Amino acid sequence: MPDSDIKPDLCPACGARNDCSLADPRTADQACWCYAVSIDPAVLEALPAALRNQSCLCPRCAQVEAQLQAAARPIP
């Protein structure tokens, strides 16, 4: 995929919206959701080299949905 086809707001693995706050000019001053989770390095290494470090994965492809749900739960 040529660099010109890489969209910072789309997941490089599946093409879905990645909800990256850094890719949206309105929220670019906020930390991305991915800063608060631990992504398995093997998940990132599975991407073709040309797609790494170009845009965020979506939570599903990053395999962190459970982490995000746990972080969103109120502490009793």
N, C-alpha and C. Protein backbone atom coordinates (compact mmCIF):
# COMPACT_ATOMS: atom_id res chain seq x y z
N MET A 1 0.85 -1.17 0.00
CA MET A 1 0.00 0.00 0.00
C MET A 1 0.90 1.24 0.00
N PRO A 2 0.76 2.10 -0.96
CA PRO A 2 1.57 3.32 -0.99
C PRO A 2 1.23 4.21 0.21
N ASP A 3 2.23 4.98 0.68
CA ASP A 3 2.02 5.86 1.83
C ASP A 3 0.83 6.79 1.62
N SER A 4 0.57 7.19 0.39
CA SER A 4 -0.54 8.10 0.13
C SER A 4 -1.89 7.45 0.41
N ASP A 5 -1.94 6.12 0.45
CA ASP A 5 -3.18 5.41 0.74
C ASP A 5 -3.40 5.22 2.24
N ILE A 6 -2.43 5.52 3.07
CA ILE A 6 -2.55 5.34 4.50
C ILE A 6 -3.35 6.50 5.08
N LYS A 7 -4.41 6.16 5.78
CA LYS A 7 -5.29 7.14 6.41
C LYS A 7 -5.09 7.06 7.91
N PRO A 8 -4.68 8.15 8.58
CA PRO A 8 -4.39 8.09 10.00
C PRO A 8 -5.59 7.76 10.88
N ASP A 9 -6.81 7.95 10.35
CA ASP A 9 -8.00 7.66 11.15
C ASP A 9 -8.57 6.27 10.91
N LEU A 10 -7.88 5.47 10.10
CA LEU A 10 -8.35 4.11 9.79
C LEU A 10 -7.34 3.08 10.23
N CYS A 11 -7.85 1.96 10.68
CA CYS A 11 -7.01 0.84 11.11
C CYS A 11 -6.27 0.28 9.89
N PRO A 12 -4.96 0.12 9.97
CA PRO A 12 -4.22 -0.42 8.84
C PRO A 12 -4.48 -1.91 8.60
N ALA A 13 -5.06 -2.59 9.58
CA ALA A 13 -5.31 -4.02 9.44
C ALA A 13 -6.65 -4.32 8.78
N CYS A 14 -7.71 -3.58 9.20
CA CYS A 14 -9.04 -3.91 8.69
C CYS A 14 -9.72 -2.76 7.96
N GLY A 15 -9.21 -1.55 8.10
CA GLY A 15 -9.80 -0.40 7.42
C GLY A 15 -10.92 0.29 8.18
N ALA A 16 -11.27 -0.22 9.36
CA ALA A 16 -12.32 0.41 10.17
C ALA A 16 -11.76 1.67 10.84
N ARG A 17 -12.66 2.53 11.33
CA ARG A 17 -12.21 3.72 12.08
C ARG A 17 -11.44 3.24 13.31
N ASN A 18 -10.34 3.89 13.61
CA ASN A 18 -9.51 3.46 14.74
C ASN A 18 -9.71 4.31 15.99
N ASP A 19 -10.54 5.35 15.90
CA ASP A 19 -10.83 6.23 17.04
C ASP A 19 -9.58 6.89 17.63
N CYS A 20 -8.57 7.11 16.80
CA CYS A 20 -7.34 7.75 17.26
C CYS A 20 -7.57 9.23 17.46
N SER A 21 -7.37 9.70 18.69
CA SER A 21 -7.59 11.12 18.96
C SER A 21 -6.53 11.97 18.27
N LEU A 22 -5.35 11.43 18.03
CA LEU A 22 -4.28 12.19 17.38
C LEU A 22 -4.56 12.41 15.90
N ALA A 23 -5.38 11.57 15.30
CA ALA A 23 -5.70 11.69 13.88
C ALA A 23 -6.80 12.72 13.61
N ASP A 24 -7.48 13.15 14.66
CA ASP A 24 -8.58 14.11 14.52
C ASP A 24 -8.09 15.48 15.00
N PRO A 25 -8.05 16.46 14.14
CA PRO A 25 -7.56 17.79 14.55
C PRO A 25 -8.30 18.36 15.76
N ARG A 26 -9.56 17.98 15.95
CA ARG A 26 -10.34 18.50 17.08
C ARG A 26 -9.87 17.92 18.41
N THR A 27 -9.24 16.74 18.39
CA THR A 27 -8.81 16.09 19.64
C THR A 27 -7.32 15.77 19.64
N ALA A 28 -6.58 16.35 18.71
CA ALA A 28 -5.16 16.03 18.56
C ALA A 28 -4.32 16.38 19.79
N ASP A 29 -4.85 17.21 20.68
CA ASP A 29 -4.11 17.56 21.89
C ASP A 29 -4.37 16.58 23.03
N GLN A 30 -5.19 15.55 22.78
CA GLN A 30 -5.51 14.54 23.80
C GLN A 30 -4.75 13.25 23.50
N ALA A 31 -4.43 12.51 24.53
CA ALA A 31 -3.76 11.22 24.35
C ALA A 31 -4.71 10.23 23.69
N CYS A 32 -4.17 9.42 22.84
CA CYS A 32 -4.95 8.37 22.16
C CYS A 32 -5.29 7.25 23.15
N TRP A 33 -6.39 6.56 22.89
CA TRP A 33 -6.80 5.43 23.73
C TRP A 33 -5.70 4.38 23.82
N CYS A 34 -4.89 4.27 22.78
CA CYS A 34 -3.87 3.22 22.76
C CYS A 34 -2.76 3.45 23.78
N TYR A 35 -2.65 4.68 24.30
CA TYR A 35 -1.64 4.96 25.33
C TYR A 35 -1.99 4.29 26.65
N ALA A 36 -3.25 3.94 26.84
CA ALA A 36 -3.72 3.39 28.12
C ALA A 36 -3.83 1.87 28.11
N VAL A 37 -3.40 1.22 27.04
CA VAL A 37 -3.50 -0.24 26.96
C VAL A 37 -2.14 -0.84 26.63
N SER A 38 -2.06 -2.12 26.78
CA SER A 38 -0.85 -2.85 26.44
C SER A 38 -1.13 -3.73 25.22
N ILE A 39 -0.52 -3.37 24.09
CA ILE A 39 -0.72 -4.13 22.85
C ILE A 39 0.41 -5.14 22.71
N ASP A 40 0.05 -6.38 22.49
CA ASP A 40 1.03 -7.45 22.32
C ASP A 40 1.92 -7.11 21.13
N PRO A 41 3.24 -7.08 21.31
CA PRO A 41 4.14 -6.78 20.19
C PRO A 41 3.95 -7.71 18.99
N ALA A 42 3.51 -8.94 19.22
CA ALA A 42 3.27 -9.88 18.12
C ALA A 42 2.15 -9.38 17.20
N VAL A 43 1.17 -8.68 17.77
CA VAL A 43 0.08 -8.13 16.97
C VAL A 43 0.63 -7.08 16.00
N LEU A 44 1.51 -6.23 16.51
CA LEU A 44 2.10 -5.20 15.66
C LEU A 44 3.05 -5.80 14.63
N GLU A 45 3.81 -6.79 15.03
CA GLU A 45 4.75 -7.44 14.11
C GLU A 45 4.04 -8.20 13.00
N ALA A 46 2.78 -8.55 13.22
CA ALA A 46 2.02 -9.27 12.19
C ALA A 46 1.62 -8.35 11.04
N LEU A 47 1.66 -7.05 11.27
CA LEU A 47 1.36 -6.11 10.19
C LEU A 47 2.51 -6.07 9.19
N PRO A 48 2.22 -5.89 7.92
CA PRO A 48 3.31 -5.68 6.96
C PRO A 48 4.15 -4.48 7.40
N ALA A 49 5.45 -4.56 7.21
CA ALA A 49 6.37 -3.51 7.66
C ALA A 49 5.95 -2.12 7.18
N ALA A 50 5.43 -2.02 5.97
CA ALA A 50 5.05 -0.73 5.40
C ALA A 50 3.87 -0.09 6.14
N LEU A 51 3.11 -0.88 6.88
CA LEU A 51 1.93 -0.35 7.59
C LEU A 51 2.20 -0.05 9.06
N ARG A 52 3.34 -0.48 9.56
CA ARG A 52 3.65 -0.25 10.98
C ARG A 52 3.99 1.22 11.22
N ASN A 53 3.57 1.70 12.38
CA ASN A 53 3.87 3.07 12.81
C ASN A 53 3.32 4.14 11.87
N GLN A 54 2.26 3.82 11.16
CA GLN A 54 1.64 4.78 10.26
C GLN A 54 0.32 5.30 10.81
N SER A 55 -0.43 4.42 11.47
CA SER A 55 -1.70 4.79 12.09
C SER A 55 -2.04 3.74 13.14
N CYS A 56 -2.95 4.11 14.02
CA CYS A 56 -3.37 3.19 15.09
C CYS A 56 -4.20 2.04 14.54
N LEU A 57 -4.04 0.91 15.16
CA LEU A 57 -4.97 -0.19 14.94
C LEU A 57 -6.29 0.18 15.61
N CYS A 58 -7.37 -0.45 15.21
CA CYS A 58 -8.61 -0.29 15.96
C CYS A 58 -8.51 -1.19 17.19
N PRO A 59 -9.33 -0.95 18.23
CA PRO A 59 -9.24 -1.78 19.43
C PRO A 59 -9.43 -3.27 19.16
N ARG A 60 -10.29 -3.61 18.19
CA ARG A 60 -10.51 -5.04 17.88
C ARG A 60 -9.24 -5.66 17.32
N CYS A 61 -8.63 -5.03 16.33
CA CYS A 61 -7.42 -5.60 15.73
C CYS A 61 -6.23 -5.55 16.68
N ALA A 62 -6.22 -4.56 17.58
CA ALA A 62 -5.16 -4.48 18.59
C ALA A 62 -5.38 -5.51 19.70
N GLN A 63 -6.54 -6.13 19.70
CA GLN A 63 -6.91 -7.16 20.67
C GLN A 63 -6.88 -6.61 22.10
N VAL A 64 -7.44 -5.40 22.27
CA VAL A 64 -7.44 -4.76 23.59
C VAL A 64 -8.84 -4.35 24.04
N GLU A 65 -9.87 -4.86 23.41
CA GLU A 65 -11.23 -4.46 23.79
C GLU A 65 -11.52 -4.76 25.27
N ALA A 66 -11.05 -5.90 25.77
CA ALA A 66 -11.29 -6.24 27.18
C ALA A 66 -10.59 -5.25 28.10
N GLN A 67 -9.39 -4.82 27.73
CA GLN A 67 -8.67 -3.83 28.55
C GLN A 67 -9.43 -2.51 28.61
N LEU A 68 -9.95 -2.08 27.47
CA LEU A 68 -10.69 -0.82 27.43
C LEU A 68 -11.98 -0.92 28.23
N GLN A 69 -12.67 -2.06 28.15
CA GLN A 69 -13.91 -2.24 28.91
C GLN A 69 -13.62 -2.24 30.40
N ALA A 70 -12.53 -2.91 30.81
CA ALA A 70 -12.17 -2.96 32.23
C ALA A 70 -11.82 -1.56 32.74
N ALA A 71 -11.15 -0.77 31.93
CA ALA A 71 -10.77 0.59 32.34
C ALA A 71 -11.98 1.49 32.45
N ALA A 72 -13.03 1.20 31.69
CA ALA A 72 -14.23 2.04 31.70
C ALA A 72 -15.17 1.71 32.86
N ARG A 73 -14.99 0.55 33.49
CA ARG A 73 -15.85 0.16 34.61
C ARG A 73 -15.54 1.02 35.83
N PRO A 74 -16.58 1.46 36.52
CA PRO A 74 -16.34 2.24 37.75
C PRO A 74 -15.74 1.35 38.84
N ILE A 75 -14.89 1.93 39.62
CA ILE A 75 -14.29 1.19 40.74
C ILE A 75 -15.27 1.22 41.90
N PRO A 76 -15.62 0.04 42.44
CA PRO A 76 -16.61 -0.01 43.54
C PRO A 76 -16.07 0.61 44.80
